[in-house]
C-alpha atoms as a PDB file:
ATOM      1  CA  MET A   1      99.730  47.139  96.139  1.00  0.00           C
ATOM      2  CA  LEU A   2      98.241  45.214  93.227  1.00  0.00           C
ATOM      3  CA  LEU A   3      97.260  42.413  95.605  1.00  0.00           C
ATOM      4  CA  LEU A   4      95.446  44.890  97.861  1.00  0.00           C
ATOM      5  CA  VAL A   5      93.535  46.383  94.942  1.00  0.00           C
ATOM      6  CA  SER A   6      92.583  42.905  93.718  1.00  0.00           C
ATOM      7  CA  LEU A   7      91.430  41.887  97.184  1.00  0.00           C
ATOM      8  CA  LEU A   8      89.326  45.034  97.559  1.00  0.00           C
ATOM      9  CA  SER A   9      87.769  44.437  94.139  1.00  0.00           C
ATOM     10  CA  ILE A  10      86.824  40.883  95.115  1.00  0.00           C
ATOM     11  CA  ILE A  11      85.300  42.043  98.411  1.00  0.00           C
ATOM     12  CA  ARG A  12      83.363  44.804  96.673  1.00  0.00           C
ATOM     13  CA  GLY A  13      82.114  42.389  93.999  1.00  0.00           C
ATOM     14  CA  SER A  14      81.034  39.904  96.640  1.00  0.00           C
ATOM     15  CA  TRP A  15      79.193  42.635  98.558  1.00  0.00           C
ATOM     16  CA  TRP A  16      77.458  43.795  95.371  1.00  0.00           C
ATOM     17  CA  LEU A  17      76.326  40.239  94.543  1.00  0.00           C
ATOM     18  CA  ASP A  18      74.962  39.844  98.076  1.00  0.00           C
ATOM     19  CA  GLN A  19      73.046  43.099  97.701  1.00  0.00           C
ATOM     20  CA  GLN A  20      71.582  41.940  94.379  1.00  0.00           C
ATOM     21  CA  ALA A  21      70.525  38.607  95.898  1.00  0.00           C
ATOM     22  CA  ASN A  22      68.870  40.393  98.830  1.00  0.00           C
ATOM     23  CA  LYS A  23      67.035  42.738  96.462  1.00  0.00           C
ATOM     24  CA  LYS A  24      65.789  39.787  94.415  1.00  0.00           C
ATOM     25  CA  LYS A  25      64.497  38.070  97.569  1.00  0.00           C
ATOM     26  CA  GLN A  26      62.736  41.256  98.685  1.00  0.00           C
ATOM     27  CA  ASP A  27      61.149  41.707  95.244  1.00  0.00           C
ATOM     28  CA  LEU A  28      59.842  38.127  95.307  1.00  0.00           C
ATOM     29  CA  LEU A  29      58.455  38.639  98.809  1.00  0.00           C
ATOM     30  CA  VAL A  30      56.529  41.726  97.667  1.00  0.00           C
ATOM     31  CA  VAL A  31      55.136  39.839  94.658  1.00  0.00           C
ATOM     32  CA  ASP A  32      54.169  36.897  96.889  1.00  0.00           C
ATOM     33  CA  LYS A  33      52.240  39.176  99.255  1.00  0.00           C
ATOM     34  CA  GLN A  34      50.480  40.964  96.377  1.00  0.00           C
ATOM     35  CA  SER A  35      49.534  37.629  94.787  1.00  0.00           C
ATOM     36  CA  VAL A  36      48.011  36.304  98.016  1.00  0.00           C
ATOM     37  CA  LYS A  37      46.043  39.536  98.427  1.00  0.00           C
ATOM     38  CA  VAL A  38      44.629  39.263  94.892  1.00  0.00           C
ATOM     39  CA  LEU A  39      43.762  35.573  95.391  1.00  0.00           C
ATOM     40  CA  LYS A  40      41.871  36.367  98.603  1.00  0.00           C
ATOM     41  CA  GLN A  41      39.953  39.150  96.839  1.00  0.00           C
ATOM     42  CA  THR A  42      39.117  36.887  93.880  1.00  0.00           C
ATOM     43  CA  PHE A  43      38.147  33.620  95.581  1.00  0.00           C
ATOM     44  CA  ALA A  44      35.795  33.237  98.543  1.00  0.00           C
ATOM     45  CA  ASP A  45      36.568  31.359 101.754  1.00  0.00           C
ATOM     46  CA  ILE A  46      40.313  30.864 101.296  1.00  0.00           C
ATOM     47  CA  ALA A  47      41.761  29.339 104.457  1.00  0.00           C
ATOM     48  CA  GLU A  48      45.383  29.065 103.381  1.00  0.00           C
ATOM     49  CA  VAL A  49      47.631  29.995 100.484  1.00  0.00           C
ATOM     50  CA  LYS A  50      50.996  28.260 100.238  1.00  0.00           C
ATOM     51  CA  ILE A  51      53.484  29.465  97.631  1.00  0.00           C
ATOM     52  CA  ASN A  52      55.518  26.417  96.695  1.00  0.00           C
ATOM     53  CA  GLU A  53      57.834  28.077  94.174  1.00  0.00           C
ATOM     54  CA  ALA A  54      58.207  31.581  92.769  1.00  0.00           C
ATOM     55  CA  SER A  55      60.572  33.000  90.174  1.00  0.00           C
ATOM     56  CA  ARG A  56      61.029  36.016  87.917  1.00  0.00           C
ATOM     57  CA  ASN A  57      61.496  35.816  84.158  1.00  0.00           C
ATOM     58  CA  ASN A  58      64.190  38.398  83.423  1.00  0.00           C
ATOM     59  CA  ALA A  59      63.403  38.451  79.698  1.00  0.00           C
ATOM     60  CA  THR A  60      59.749  39.472  80.154  1.00  0.00           C
ATOM     61  CA  GLY A  61      59.800  40.926  83.666  1.00  0.00           C
ATOM     62  CA  SER A  62      56.949  38.628  84.683  1.00  0.00           C
ATOM     63  CA  TYR A  63      56.716  36.370  87.707  1.00  0.00           C
ATOM     64  CA  GLY A  64      55.571  32.766  87.858  1.00  0.00           C
ATOM     65  CA  MET A  65      54.623  30.715  90.879  1.00  0.00           C
ATOM     66  CA  TYR A  66      53.162  27.410  91.930  1.00  0.00           C
ATOM     67  CA  VAL A  67      50.496  27.884  94.588  1.00  0.00           C
ATOM     68  CA  THR A  68      48.495  25.526  96.799  1.00  0.00           C
ATOM     69  CA  MET A  69      45.186  27.008  97.980  1.00  0.00           C
ATOM     70  CA  THR A  70      42.957  25.545 100.700  1.00  0.00           C
ATOM     71  CA  ASN A  71      39.319  26.587 101.036  1.00  0.00           C
ATOM     72  CA  TYR A  72      37.093  26.218 104.086  1.00  0.00           C
END
């Protein structure tokens, strides 16, 4: 019985971690899209925006990213 409870706890913990990872990826995707939209509104003639790296600072709640922009 104890083994079954332990196994279920491990499965539940694994599922929860997967859910957290998926939520983090979705949050970064939303921020990426918003950032590209703001860049296109700010700068004229943008042909391409490539987000090389994006991350969230948990302490401040801010996001940072390295972007490559190509103009016409």
